[in-house]
């Protein structure tokens, strides 16, 4: 923490939102037009985190209740078990799912089901649906697990920041510091 005291991160002259998450699902996520400095990078250092893969199973009733709590949708018989992943981003995070007649965001569904990450796969079981989840958090920006491992490898804060956040400058007290 002392290494970064009094420093800020800028992208094109503006303060950058230095997003972070606990551990990626193997890759961090692109920030798109909103956060162009967030590029997808290898998160391979994250895979040895304890509980990197989480498996959760839900009955149809549990699914219907949790999904219904998002927008008040009432799912008919079999609709909760018919949940389908519609799309993923380039890093493997679910961006859209269909449940009944409604479309939900991957983060929205992960929150409703208390999944640690929106990087999940779904399969049917005798009980209901099984979710296999990778990583922890939304996957944008700095992986805390990966950054810690980089620090243990001897990388300094600026190197770590420039790994996860692209085309940014690190500044101290309003003065730009040269990138290494």
N, C-alpha and C. Protein backbone atom coordinates (compact mmCIF):
# COMPACT_ATOMS: atom_id res chain seq x y z
N UNK A 1 0.82 -1.19 0.00
CA UNK A 1 0.00 0.00 0.00
C UNK A 1 0.87 1.26 0.00
N UNK A 2 2.02 1.21 0.67
CA UNK A 2 2.88 2.39 0.70
C UNK A 2 3.46 2.68 -0.68
N UNK A 3 3.65 1.63 -1.48
CA UNK A 3 4.22 1.81 -2.81
C UNK A 3 3.31 2.65 -3.70
N UNK A 4 2.00 2.62 -3.46
CA UNK A 4 1.06 3.35 -4.30
C UNK A 4 0.43 4.56 -3.61
N UNK A 5 0.87 4.88 -2.41
CA UNK A 5 0.30 6.02 -1.67
C UNK A 5 0.48 7.31 -2.45
N UNK A 6 -0.60 8.09 -2.57
CA UNK A 6 -0.54 9.37 -3.25
C UNK A 6 -0.52 9.28 -4.76
N UNK A 7 -0.76 8.11 -5.32
CA UNK A 7 -0.72 7.94 -6.76
C UNK A 7 -2.12 7.73 -7.32
N UNK A 8 -2.29 8.12 -8.57
CA UNK A 8 -3.55 7.93 -9.28
C UNK A 8 -3.27 7.37 -10.66
N UNK A 9 -4.32 6.83 -11.28
CA UNK A 9 -4.20 6.24 -12.61
C UNK A 9 -5.06 7.06 -13.56
N UNK A 10 -4.47 7.46 -14.70
CA UNK A 10 -5.19 8.24 -15.69
C UNK A 10 -5.19 7.54 -17.04
N UNK A 11 -6.29 7.73 -17.75
CA UNK A 11 -6.41 7.28 -19.13
C UNK A 11 -6.88 8.49 -19.93
N UNK A 12 -6.10 8.88 -20.93
CA UNK A 12 -6.39 10.05 -21.77
C UNK A 12 -6.72 11.28 -20.93
N UNK A 13 -5.94 11.48 -19.87
CA UNK A 13 -6.06 12.66 -19.03
C UNK A 13 -7.11 12.59 -17.93
N UNK A 14 -7.97 11.60 -17.96
CA UNK A 14 -9.02 11.47 -16.95
C UNK A 14 -8.67 10.37 -15.95
N UNK A 15 -9.13 10.55 -14.70
CA UNK A 15 -8.91 9.49 -13.72
C UNK A 15 -9.61 8.22 -14.19
N UNK A 16 -8.91 7.11 -14.11
CA UNK A 16 -9.46 5.82 -14.53
C UNK A 16 -10.11 5.13 -13.35
N UNK A 17 -11.19 4.43 -13.60
CA UNK A 17 -11.85 3.61 -12.59
C UNK A 17 -11.07 2.30 -12.56
N UNK A 18 -10.20 2.16 -11.59
CA UNK A 18 -9.34 0.98 -11.50
C UNK A 18 -10.13 -0.19 -10.91
N UNK A 19 -10.97 -0.78 -11.73
CA UNK A 19 -11.82 -1.87 -11.29
C UNK A 19 -10.98 -3.08 -10.89
N UNK A 20 -11.49 -3.86 -9.94
CA UNK A 20 -10.78 -5.05 -9.51
C UNK A 20 -11.79 -6.11 -9.09
N UNK A 21 -11.31 -7.33 -9.04
CA UNK A 21 -12.12 -8.48 -8.63
C UNK A 21 -11.18 -9.46 -7.91
N UNK A 22 -11.74 -10.45 -7.27
CA UNK A 22 -10.91 -11.36 -6.48
C UNK A 22 -10.03 -12.24 -7.35
N UNK A 23 -10.63 -12.93 -8.34
CA UNK A 23 -9.86 -13.79 -9.24
C UNK A 23 -10.62 -13.97 -10.54
N UNK A 24 -9.91 -13.88 -11.66
CA UNK A 24 -10.56 -14.02 -12.96
C UNK A 24 -10.90 -15.49 -13.22
N UNK A 25 -11.64 -15.70 -14.29
CA UNK A 25 -12.01 -17.05 -14.70
C UNK A 25 -10.99 -17.59 -15.71
N UNK A 26 -9.78 -17.07 -15.65
CA UNK A 26 -8.72 -17.49 -16.57
C UNK A 26 -8.30 -16.38 -17.51
N UNK A 27 -9.20 -15.42 -17.73
CA UNK A 27 -8.94 -14.22 -18.52
C UNK A 27 -9.71 -13.09 -17.85
N UNK A 28 -9.17 -11.88 -17.90
CA UNK A 28 -9.95 -10.74 -17.45
C UNK A 28 -10.82 -10.28 -18.62
N UNK A 29 -11.78 -9.40 -18.33
CA UNK A 29 -12.76 -8.99 -19.33
C UNK A 29 -12.43 -7.65 -19.99
N UNK A 30 -12.85 -7.51 -21.24
CA UNK A 30 -12.75 -6.25 -21.97
C UNK A 30 -13.68 -5.23 -21.35
N UNK A 31 -13.28 -3.98 -21.32
CA UNK A 31 -14.12 -2.92 -20.77
C UNK A 31 -14.99 -2.23 -21.79
N UNK A 32 -14.81 -2.56 -23.07
CA UNK A 32 -15.63 -1.95 -24.13
C UNK A 32 -15.39 -0.46 -24.24
N UNK A 33 -16.36 0.23 -24.81
CA UNK A 33 -16.25 1.68 -25.02
C UNK A 33 -16.27 2.45 -23.71
N UNK A 34 -16.96 1.91 -22.70
CA UNK A 34 -17.07 2.61 -21.42
C UNK A 34 -15.74 2.64 -20.67
N UNK A 35 -15.01 1.54 -20.71
CA UNK A 35 -13.72 1.42 -20.02
C UNK A 35 -12.69 0.86 -21.00
N UNK A 36 -12.26 1.67 -22.00
CA UNK A 36 -11.39 1.14 -23.05
C UNK A 36 -10.00 0.70 -22.57
N UNK A 37 -9.61 1.10 -21.39
CA UNK A 37 -8.30 0.72 -20.85
C UNK A 37 -8.34 -0.66 -20.20
N UNK A 38 -9.53 -1.26 -20.08
CA UNK A 38 -9.64 -2.62 -19.54
C UNK A 38 -9.60 -3.60 -20.69
N UNK A 39 -8.47 -4.23 -20.89
CA UNK A 39 -8.30 -5.21 -21.96
C UNK A 39 -8.28 -6.60 -21.34
N UNK A 40 -8.69 -7.56 -22.11
CA UNK A 40 -8.67 -8.94 -21.64
C UNK A 40 -7.22 -9.42 -21.62
N UNK A 41 -6.77 -9.86 -20.45
CA UNK A 41 -5.41 -10.38 -20.31
C UNK A 41 -5.46 -11.75 -19.64
N UNK A 42 -4.39 -12.50 -19.81
CA UNK A 42 -4.28 -13.84 -19.24
C UNK A 42 -4.37 -13.77 -17.72
N UNK A 43 -5.28 -14.52 -17.16
CA UNK A 43 -5.44 -14.61 -15.71
C UNK A 43 -5.03 -15.97 -15.19
N UNK A 44 -4.11 -16.62 -15.88
CA UNK A 44 -3.69 -17.97 -15.50
C UNK A 44 -3.14 -18.10 -14.09
N UNK A 45 -2.67 -17.00 -13.51
CA UNK A 45 -2.18 -17.05 -12.13
C UNK A 45 -3.32 -17.32 -11.14
N UNK A 46 -4.56 -17.10 -11.59
CA UNK A 46 -5.72 -17.21 -10.69
C UNK A 46 -6.19 -18.65 -10.45
N UNK A 47 -5.84 -19.57 -11.35
CA UNK A 47 -6.44 -20.90 -11.30
C UNK A 47 -6.10 -21.72 -10.07
N UNK A 48 -5.06 -21.34 -9.33
CA UNK A 48 -4.73 -22.12 -8.12
C UNK A 48 -5.32 -21.51 -6.85
N UNK A 49 -6.20 -20.51 -7.02
CA UNK A 49 -6.88 -19.95 -5.85
C UNK A 49 -7.78 -21.02 -5.23
N UNK A 50 -7.80 -21.07 -3.90
CA UNK A 50 -8.70 -21.98 -3.22
C UNK A 50 -10.13 -21.66 -3.64
N UNK A 51 -10.92 -22.67 -3.93
CA UNK A 51 -12.30 -22.52 -4.39
C UNK A 51 -12.39 -21.77 -5.72
N UNK A 52 -11.38 -21.91 -6.58
CA UNK A 52 -11.40 -21.29 -7.91
C UNK A 52 -12.61 -21.80 -8.70
N UNK A 53 -12.90 -23.11 -8.57
CA UNK A 53 -14.09 -23.69 -9.19
C UNK A 53 -15.10 -23.98 -8.09
N UNK A 54 -16.30 -23.48 -8.28
CA UNK A 54 -17.39 -23.69 -7.33
C UNK A 54 -18.51 -24.41 -8.05
N UNK A 55 -19.09 -25.40 -7.40
CA UNK A 55 -20.22 -26.12 -7.98
C UNK A 55 -21.42 -25.93 -7.07
N UNK A 56 -22.52 -25.45 -7.66
CA UNK A 56 -23.76 -25.25 -6.91
C UNK A 56 -24.89 -25.90 -7.67
N UNK A 57 -25.78 -26.54 -6.93
CA UNK A 57 -26.92 -27.21 -7.54
C UNK A 57 -28.21 -26.63 -6.96
N UNK A 58 -29.20 -26.44 -7.82
CA UNK A 58 -30.47 -25.84 -7.42
C UNK A 58 -31.63 -26.69 -7.92
N UNK A 59 -32.65 -26.83 -7.10
CA UNK A 59 -33.88 -27.50 -7.53
C UNK A 59 -34.67 -26.52 -8.41
N UNK A 60 -35.66 -27.03 -9.09
CA UNK A 60 -36.50 -26.16 -9.93
C UNK A 60 -37.16 -25.08 -9.08
N UNK A 61 -37.66 -25.44 -7.91
CA UNK A 61 -38.32 -24.47 -7.04
C UNK A 61 -37.34 -23.38 -6.59
N UNK A 62 -36.11 -23.77 -6.22
CA UNK A 62 -35.10 -22.79 -5.81
C UNK A 62 -34.76 -21.84 -6.95
N UNK A 63 -34.62 -22.39 -8.16
CA UNK A 63 -34.32 -21.56 -9.32
C UNK A 63 -35.46 -20.59 -9.61
N UNK A 64 -36.68 -21.11 -9.62
CA UNK A 64 -37.84 -20.27 -9.91
C UNK A 64 -37.95 -19.13 -8.91
N UNK A 65 -37.71 -19.41 -7.65
CA UNK A 65 -37.78 -18.38 -6.62
C UNK A 65 -36.69 -17.33 -6.81
N UNK A 66 -35.45 -17.77 -7.02
CA UNK A 66 -34.33 -16.84 -7.17
C UNK A 66 -34.48 -15.99 -8.43
N UNK A 67 -34.83 -16.61 -9.54
CA UNK A 67 -34.98 -15.87 -10.79
C UNK A 67 -36.19 -14.94 -10.70
N UNK A 68 -37.27 -15.40 -10.09
CA UNK A 68 -38.45 -14.56 -9.91
C UNK A 68 -38.17 -13.34 -9.08
N UNK A 69 -37.19 -13.43 -8.18
CA UNK A 69 -36.82 -12.31 -7.35
C UNK A 69 -36.09 -11.20 -8.09
N UNK A 70 -35.61 -11.48 -9.30
CA UNK A 70 -34.88 -10.46 -10.07
C UNK A 70 -35.84 -9.38 -10.55
N UNK A 71 -36.91 -9.79 -11.25
CA UNK A 71 -37.87 -8.82 -11.81
C UNK A 71 -39.32 -9.20 -11.52
N UNK A 72 -39.49 -10.15 -10.63
CA UNK A 72 -40.84 -10.56 -10.30
C UNK A 72 -41.47 -11.49 -11.32
N UNK A 73 -40.64 -12.05 -12.22
CA UNK A 73 -41.16 -12.97 -13.23
C UNK A 73 -41.62 -14.26 -12.57
N UNK A 74 -42.77 -14.74 -12.97
CA UNK A 74 -43.27 -16.02 -12.47
C UNK A 74 -42.98 -17.07 -13.52
N UNK A 75 -42.16 -18.04 -13.17
CA UNK A 75 -41.79 -19.08 -14.12
C UNK A 75 -42.76 -20.25 -14.03
N UNK A 76 -43.22 -20.73 -15.18
CA UNK A 76 -44.12 -21.87 -15.22
C UNK A 76 -43.35 -23.18 -15.04
N UNK A 77 -44.09 -24.27 -14.99
CA UNK A 77 -43.49 -25.60 -14.81
C UNK A 77 -42.46 -25.86 -15.90
N UNK A 78 -41.26 -26.24 -15.49
CA UNK A 78 -40.20 -26.58 -16.43
C UNK A 78 -39.41 -25.40 -16.96
N UNK A 79 -39.92 -24.16 -16.82
CA UNK A 79 -39.22 -23.02 -17.39
C UNK A 79 -37.89 -22.73 -16.69
N UNK A 80 -37.84 -22.91 -15.39
CA UNK A 80 -36.58 -22.67 -14.67
C UNK A 80 -35.52 -23.67 -15.10
N UNK A 81 -35.94 -24.93 -15.33
CA UNK A 81 -34.98 -25.94 -15.76
C UNK A 81 -34.58 -25.75 -17.22
N UNK A 82 -35.32 -24.93 -17.95
CA UNK A 82 -35.00 -24.64 -19.34
C UNK A 82 -34.08 -23.45 -19.50
N UNK A 83 -33.52 -22.96 -18.41
CA UNK A 83 -32.60 -21.83 -18.45
C UNK A 83 -31.50 -22.10 -19.48
N UNK A 84 -31.25 -21.13 -20.34
CA UNK A 84 -30.26 -21.29 -21.41
C UNK A 84 -29.27 -20.13 -21.40
N UNK A 85 -28.00 -20.44 -21.57
CA UNK A 85 -26.99 -19.40 -21.77
C UNK A 85 -27.10 -18.95 -23.21
N UNK A 86 -27.31 -17.65 -23.41
CA UNK A 86 -27.48 -17.09 -24.75
C UNK A 86 -26.14 -16.62 -25.32
N UNK A 87 -25.33 -15.95 -24.48
CA UNK A 87 -24.06 -15.43 -24.98
C UNK A 87 -23.03 -15.30 -23.85
N UNK A 88 -21.78 -15.31 -24.29
CA UNK A 88 -20.62 -15.12 -23.43
C UNK A 88 -19.73 -14.06 -24.08
N UNK A 89 -18.90 -13.42 -23.26
CA UNK A 89 -17.92 -12.50 -23.84
C UNK A 89 -16.66 -13.29 -24.19
N UNK A 90 -15.68 -12.60 -24.72
CA UNK A 90 -14.45 -13.25 -25.16
C UNK A 90 -13.65 -13.90 -24.06
N UNK A 91 -13.87 -13.52 -22.81
CA UNK A 91 -13.15 -14.11 -21.68
C UNK A 91 -13.92 -15.27 -21.05
N UNK A 92 -15.10 -15.60 -21.60
CA UNK A 92 -15.87 -16.74 -21.12
C UNK A 92 -16.94 -16.42 -20.09
N UNK A 93 -17.13 -15.14 -19.77
CA UNK A 93 -18.15 -14.75 -18.81
C UNK A 93 -19.51 -14.71 -19.50
N UNK A 94 -20.54 -15.21 -18.81
CA UNK A 94 -21.89 -15.20 -19.37
C UNK A 94 -22.39 -13.76 -19.40
N UNK A 95 -22.89 -13.34 -20.56
CA UNK A 95 -23.43 -11.99 -20.69
C UNK A 95 -24.95 -11.99 -20.76
N UNK A 96 -25.55 -13.09 -21.30
CA UNK A 96 -27.01 -13.16 -21.38
C UNK A 96 -27.48 -14.60 -21.16
N UNK A 97 -28.60 -14.72 -20.44
CA UNK A 97 -29.28 -16.01 -20.27
C UNK A 97 -30.77 -15.79 -20.50
N UNK A 98 -31.44 -16.85 -20.89
CA UNK A 98 -32.91 -16.82 -21.04
C UNK A 98 -33.49 -17.74 -19.98
N UNK A 99 -34.51 -17.25 -19.31
CA UNK A 99 -35.28 -18.05 -18.35
C UNK A 99 -36.73 -17.71 -18.59
N UNK A 100 -37.50 -18.70 -19.01
CA UNK A 100 -38.88 -18.42 -19.39
C UNK A 100 -38.86 -17.51 -20.60
N UNK A 101 -39.57 -16.41 -20.53
CA UNK A 101 -39.62 -15.46 -21.65
C UNK A 101 -38.73 -14.24 -21.42
N UNK A 102 -37.97 -14.24 -20.34
CA UNK A 102 -37.14 -13.08 -20.00
C UNK A 102 -35.66 -13.35 -20.26
N UNK A 103 -34.96 -12.29 -20.65
CA UNK A 103 -33.52 -12.34 -20.82
C UNK A 103 -32.89 -11.62 -19.63
N UNK A 104 -31.82 -12.20 -19.09
CA UNK A 104 -31.13 -11.63 -17.93
C UNK A 104 -29.64 -11.52 -18.24
N UNK A 105 -28.98 -10.58 -17.58
CA UNK A 105 -27.53 -10.48 -17.68
C UNK A 105 -26.88 -11.57 -16.84
N UNK A 106 -25.68 -11.97 -17.23
CA UNK A 106 -24.95 -13.00 -16.49
C UNK A 106 -24.67 -12.58 -15.06
N UNK A 107 -24.28 -11.30 -14.86
CA UNK A 107 -24.02 -10.81 -13.51
C UNK A 107 -25.30 -10.77 -12.70
N UNK A 108 -26.39 -10.43 -13.34
CA UNK A 108 -27.69 -10.36 -12.69
C UNK A 108 -28.10 -11.75 -12.17
N UNK A 109 -27.95 -12.77 -13.01
CA UNK A 109 -28.31 -14.12 -12.60
C UNK A 109 -27.35 -14.64 -11.53
N UNK A 110 -26.04 -14.37 -11.71
CA UNK A 110 -25.06 -14.81 -10.71
C UNK A 110 -25.39 -14.23 -9.34
N UNK A 111 -25.77 -12.96 -9.30
CA UNK A 111 -26.13 -12.33 -8.02
C UNK A 111 -27.37 -12.98 -7.43
N UNK A 112 -28.38 -13.25 -8.25
CA UNK A 112 -29.63 -13.84 -7.76
C UNK A 112 -29.41 -15.24 -7.19
N UNK A 113 -28.45 -15.97 -7.77
CA UNK A 113 -28.17 -17.34 -7.33
C UNK A 113 -27.00 -17.43 -6.35
N UNK A 114 -26.46 -16.28 -5.96
CA UNK A 114 -25.29 -16.22 -5.07
C UNK A 114 -24.10 -17.01 -5.63
N UNK A 115 -23.91 -16.90 -6.94
CA UNK A 115 -22.74 -17.51 -7.58
C UNK A 115 -21.58 -16.54 -7.44
N UNK A 116 -20.36 -17.04 -7.23
CA UNK A 116 -19.23 -16.13 -7.01
C UNK A 116 -18.80 -15.36 -8.25
N UNK A 117 -19.27 -15.76 -9.44
CA UNK A 117 -18.82 -15.13 -10.68
C UNK A 117 -19.84 -15.40 -11.78
N UNK A 118 -19.92 -14.51 -12.78
CA UNK A 118 -20.77 -14.79 -13.93
C UNK A 118 -20.09 -15.67 -14.99
N UNK A 119 -18.98 -16.29 -14.65
CA UNK A 119 -18.31 -17.24 -15.55
C UNK A 119 -18.76 -18.64 -15.15
N UNK A 120 -19.87 -19.09 -15.72
CA UNK A 120 -20.43 -20.37 -15.31
C UNK A 120 -20.93 -21.17 -16.50
N UNK A 121 -21.06 -22.46 -16.27
CA UNK A 121 -21.74 -23.35 -17.21
C UNK A 121 -22.89 -23.99 -16.46
N UNK A 122 -23.86 -24.51 -17.19
CA UNK A 122 -25.07 -25.07 -16.59
C UNK A 122 -25.32 -26.44 -17.20
N UNK A 123 -25.70 -27.38 -16.34
CA UNK A 123 -26.12 -28.70 -16.84
C UNK A 123 -27.27 -29.20 -15.98
N UNK A 124 -28.09 -30.05 -16.58
CA UNK A 124 -29.24 -30.59 -15.86
C UNK A 124 -28.82 -31.81 -15.05
N UNK A 125 -29.40 -31.92 -13.87
CA UNK A 125 -29.15 -33.07 -12.99
C UNK A 125 -30.50 -33.63 -12.55
N UNK A 126 -30.47 -34.70 -11.78
CA UNK A 126 -31.72 -35.26 -11.26
C UNK A 126 -32.42 -34.27 -10.35
N UNK A 127 -31.65 -33.48 -9.60
CA UNK A 127 -32.23 -32.51 -8.67
C UNK A 127 -32.76 -31.26 -9.37
N UNK A 128 -32.07 -30.82 -10.40
CA UNK A 128 -32.45 -29.58 -11.09
C UNK A 128 -31.36 -29.15 -12.04
N UNK A 129 -30.68 -28.04 -11.72
CA UNK A 129 -29.58 -27.54 -12.54
C UNK A 129 -28.32 -27.40 -11.70
N UNK A 130 -27.21 -27.77 -12.31
CA UNK A 130 -25.90 -27.64 -11.68
C UNK A 130 -25.13 -26.53 -12.39
N UNK A 131 -24.57 -25.62 -11.59
CA UNK A 131 -23.76 -24.52 -12.10
C UNK A 131 -22.32 -24.77 -11.70
N UNK A 132 -21.42 -24.77 -12.67
CA UNK A 132 -19.99 -24.87 -12.42
C UNK A 132 -19.42 -23.48 -12.70
N UNK A 133 -18.86 -22.86 -11.67
CA UNK A 133 -18.45 -21.47 -11.72
C UNK A 133 -16.93 -21.37 -11.58
N UNK A 134 -16.32 -20.50 -12.38
CA UNK A 134 -14.87 -20.25 -12.29
C UNK A 134 -14.63 -18.84 -11.80
N UNK A 135 -13.61 -18.68 -10.97
CA UNK A 135 -13.19 -17.36 -10.51
C UNK A 135 -14.10 -16.79 -9.44
N UNK A 136 -13.84 -15.53 -9.12
CA UNK A 136 -14.61 -14.84 -8.09
C UNK A 136 -14.66 -13.36 -8.43
N UNK A 137 -15.87 -12.84 -8.66
CA UNK A 137 -16.04 -11.44 -9.00
C UNK A 137 -16.40 -11.25 -10.46
N UNK A 138 -16.54 -9.99 -10.87
CA UNK A 138 -17.03 -9.66 -12.21
C UNK A 138 -16.01 -9.86 -13.31
N UNK A 139 -14.73 -9.93 -12.99
CA UNK A 139 -13.71 -10.20 -14.01
C UNK A 139 -13.13 -8.99 -14.70
N UNK A 140 -13.56 -7.78 -14.34
CA UNK A 140 -13.04 -6.56 -14.97
C UNK A 140 -11.84 -6.01 -14.19
N UNK A 141 -10.81 -5.59 -14.92
CA UNK A 141 -9.68 -4.91 -14.30
C UNK A 141 -8.69 -5.83 -13.62
N UNK A 142 -8.23 -5.41 -12.46
CA UNK A 142 -7.17 -6.10 -11.74
C UNK A 142 -7.71 -7.31 -10.98
N UNK A 143 -7.07 -8.45 -11.18
CA UNK A 143 -7.37 -9.62 -10.37
C UNK A 143 -6.52 -9.51 -9.11
N UNK A 144 -7.16 -9.47 -7.95
CA UNK A 144 -6.41 -9.35 -6.70
C UNK A 144 -5.50 -10.56 -6.50
N UNK A 145 -6.00 -11.74 -6.83
CA UNK A 145 -5.20 -12.96 -6.66
C UNK A 145 -3.98 -12.91 -7.58
N UNK A 146 -4.23 -12.59 -8.85
CA UNK A 146 -3.14 -12.53 -9.82
C UNK A 146 -2.14 -11.44 -9.50
N UNK A 147 -2.62 -10.27 -9.07
CA UNK A 147 -1.73 -9.16 -8.72
C UNK A 147 -0.85 -9.53 -7.54
N UNK A 148 -1.42 -10.22 -6.56
CA UNK A 148 -0.63 -10.65 -5.41
C UNK A 148 0.46 -11.63 -5.85
N UNK A 149 0.12 -12.55 -6.73
CA UNK A 149 1.13 -13.50 -7.22
C UNK A 149 2.22 -12.79 -8.00
N UNK A 150 1.84 -11.77 -8.79
CA UNK A 150 2.84 -11.00 -9.52
C UNK A 150 3.77 -10.29 -8.54
N UNK A 151 3.22 -9.74 -7.46
CA UNK A 151 4.04 -9.07 -6.45
C UNK A 151 5.00 -10.07 -5.80
N UNK A 152 4.52 -11.27 -5.53
CA UNK A 152 5.38 -12.31 -4.94
C UNK A 152 6.48 -12.74 -5.91
N UNK A 153 6.24 -12.55 -7.22
CA UNK A 153 7.26 -12.84 -8.25
C UNK A 153 8.26 -11.69 -8.38
N UNK A 154 8.04 -10.60 -7.62
CA UNK A 154 8.96 -9.47 -7.64
C UNK A 154 8.52 -8.31 -8.52
N UNK A 155 7.32 -8.35 -9.08
CA UNK A 155 6.84 -7.26 -9.92
C UNK A 155 6.40 -6.09 -9.02
N UNK A 156 6.71 -4.86 -9.48
CA UNK A 156 6.29 -3.69 -8.70
C UNK A 156 4.87 -3.28 -9.08
N UNK A 157 4.30 -2.35 -8.31
CA UNK A 157 2.90 -1.93 -8.49
C UNK A 157 2.66 -1.38 -9.89
N UNK A 158 3.57 -0.57 -10.41
CA UNK A 158 3.38 0.01 -11.75
C UNK A 158 3.33 -1.08 -12.82
N UNK A 159 4.18 -2.08 -12.71
CA UNK A 159 4.18 -3.19 -13.66
C UNK A 159 2.86 -3.95 -13.60
N UNK A 160 2.39 -4.17 -12.39
CA UNK A 160 1.12 -4.89 -12.21
C UNK A 160 -0.04 -4.07 -12.78
N UNK A 161 -0.09 -2.79 -12.49
CA UNK A 161 -1.15 -1.93 -13.01
C UNK A 161 -1.13 -1.92 -14.53
N UNK A 162 0.06 -1.79 -15.12
CA UNK A 162 0.16 -1.74 -16.58
C UNK A 162 -0.11 -3.09 -17.23
N UNK A 163 -0.08 -4.16 -16.47
CA UNK A 163 -0.46 -5.46 -17.01
C UNK A 163 -1.98 -5.53 -17.17
N UNK A 164 -2.69 -5.12 -16.15
CA UNK A 164 -4.16 -5.23 -16.15
C UNK A 164 -4.86 -4.05 -16.81
N UNK A 165 -4.29 -2.86 -16.74
CA UNK A 165 -4.89 -1.65 -17.30
C UNK A 165 -3.98 -1.15 -18.42
N UNK A 166 -4.50 -1.09 -19.62
CA UNK A 166 -3.70 -0.76 -20.79
C UNK A 166 -3.75 0.73 -21.11
N UNK A 167 -2.61 1.27 -21.56
CA UNK A 167 -2.52 2.66 -22.02
C UNK A 167 -2.90 3.67 -20.94
N UNK A 168 -2.50 3.39 -19.71
CA UNK A 168 -2.75 4.31 -18.61
C UNK A 168 -1.42 4.89 -18.13
N UNK A 169 -1.51 5.99 -17.40
CA UNK A 169 -0.33 6.56 -16.76
C UNK A 169 -0.57 6.55 -15.26
N UNK A 170 0.52 6.39 -14.53
CA UNK A 170 0.46 6.44 -13.07
C UNK A 170 1.06 7.78 -12.66
N UNK A 171 0.30 8.53 -11.88
CA UNK A 171 0.75 9.87 -11.50
C UNK A 171 0.83 10.00 -9.99
N UNK A 172 1.79 10.82 -9.54
CA UNK A 172 1.93 11.13 -8.12
C UNK A 172 1.68 12.61 -7.91
N UNK A 173 0.75 12.92 -7.01
CA UNK A 173 0.45 14.32 -6.65
C UNK A 173 0.33 15.22 -7.86
N UNK A 174 -0.37 14.73 -8.88
CA UNK A 174 -0.62 15.54 -10.07
C UNK A 174 0.52 15.56 -11.07
N UNK A 175 1.62 14.87 -10.77
CA UNK A 175 2.74 14.84 -11.70
C UNK A 175 2.81 13.46 -12.35
N UNK A 176 2.93 13.43 -13.66
CA UNK A 176 2.99 12.17 -14.37
C UNK A 176 4.31 11.46 -14.09
N UNK A 177 4.21 10.17 -13.82
CA UNK A 177 5.43 9.36 -13.64
C UNK A 177 5.68 8.60 -14.93
N UNK A 178 6.90 8.47 -15.36
CA UNK A 178 7.18 7.72 -16.59
C UNK A 178 6.82 6.25 -16.40
N UNK A 179 6.30 5.66 -17.45
CA UNK A 179 5.98 4.22 -17.41
C UNK A 179 7.25 3.42 -17.62
N UNK A 180 7.29 2.25 -17.01
CA UNK A 180 8.47 1.40 -17.21
C UNK A 180 8.16 0.35 -18.22
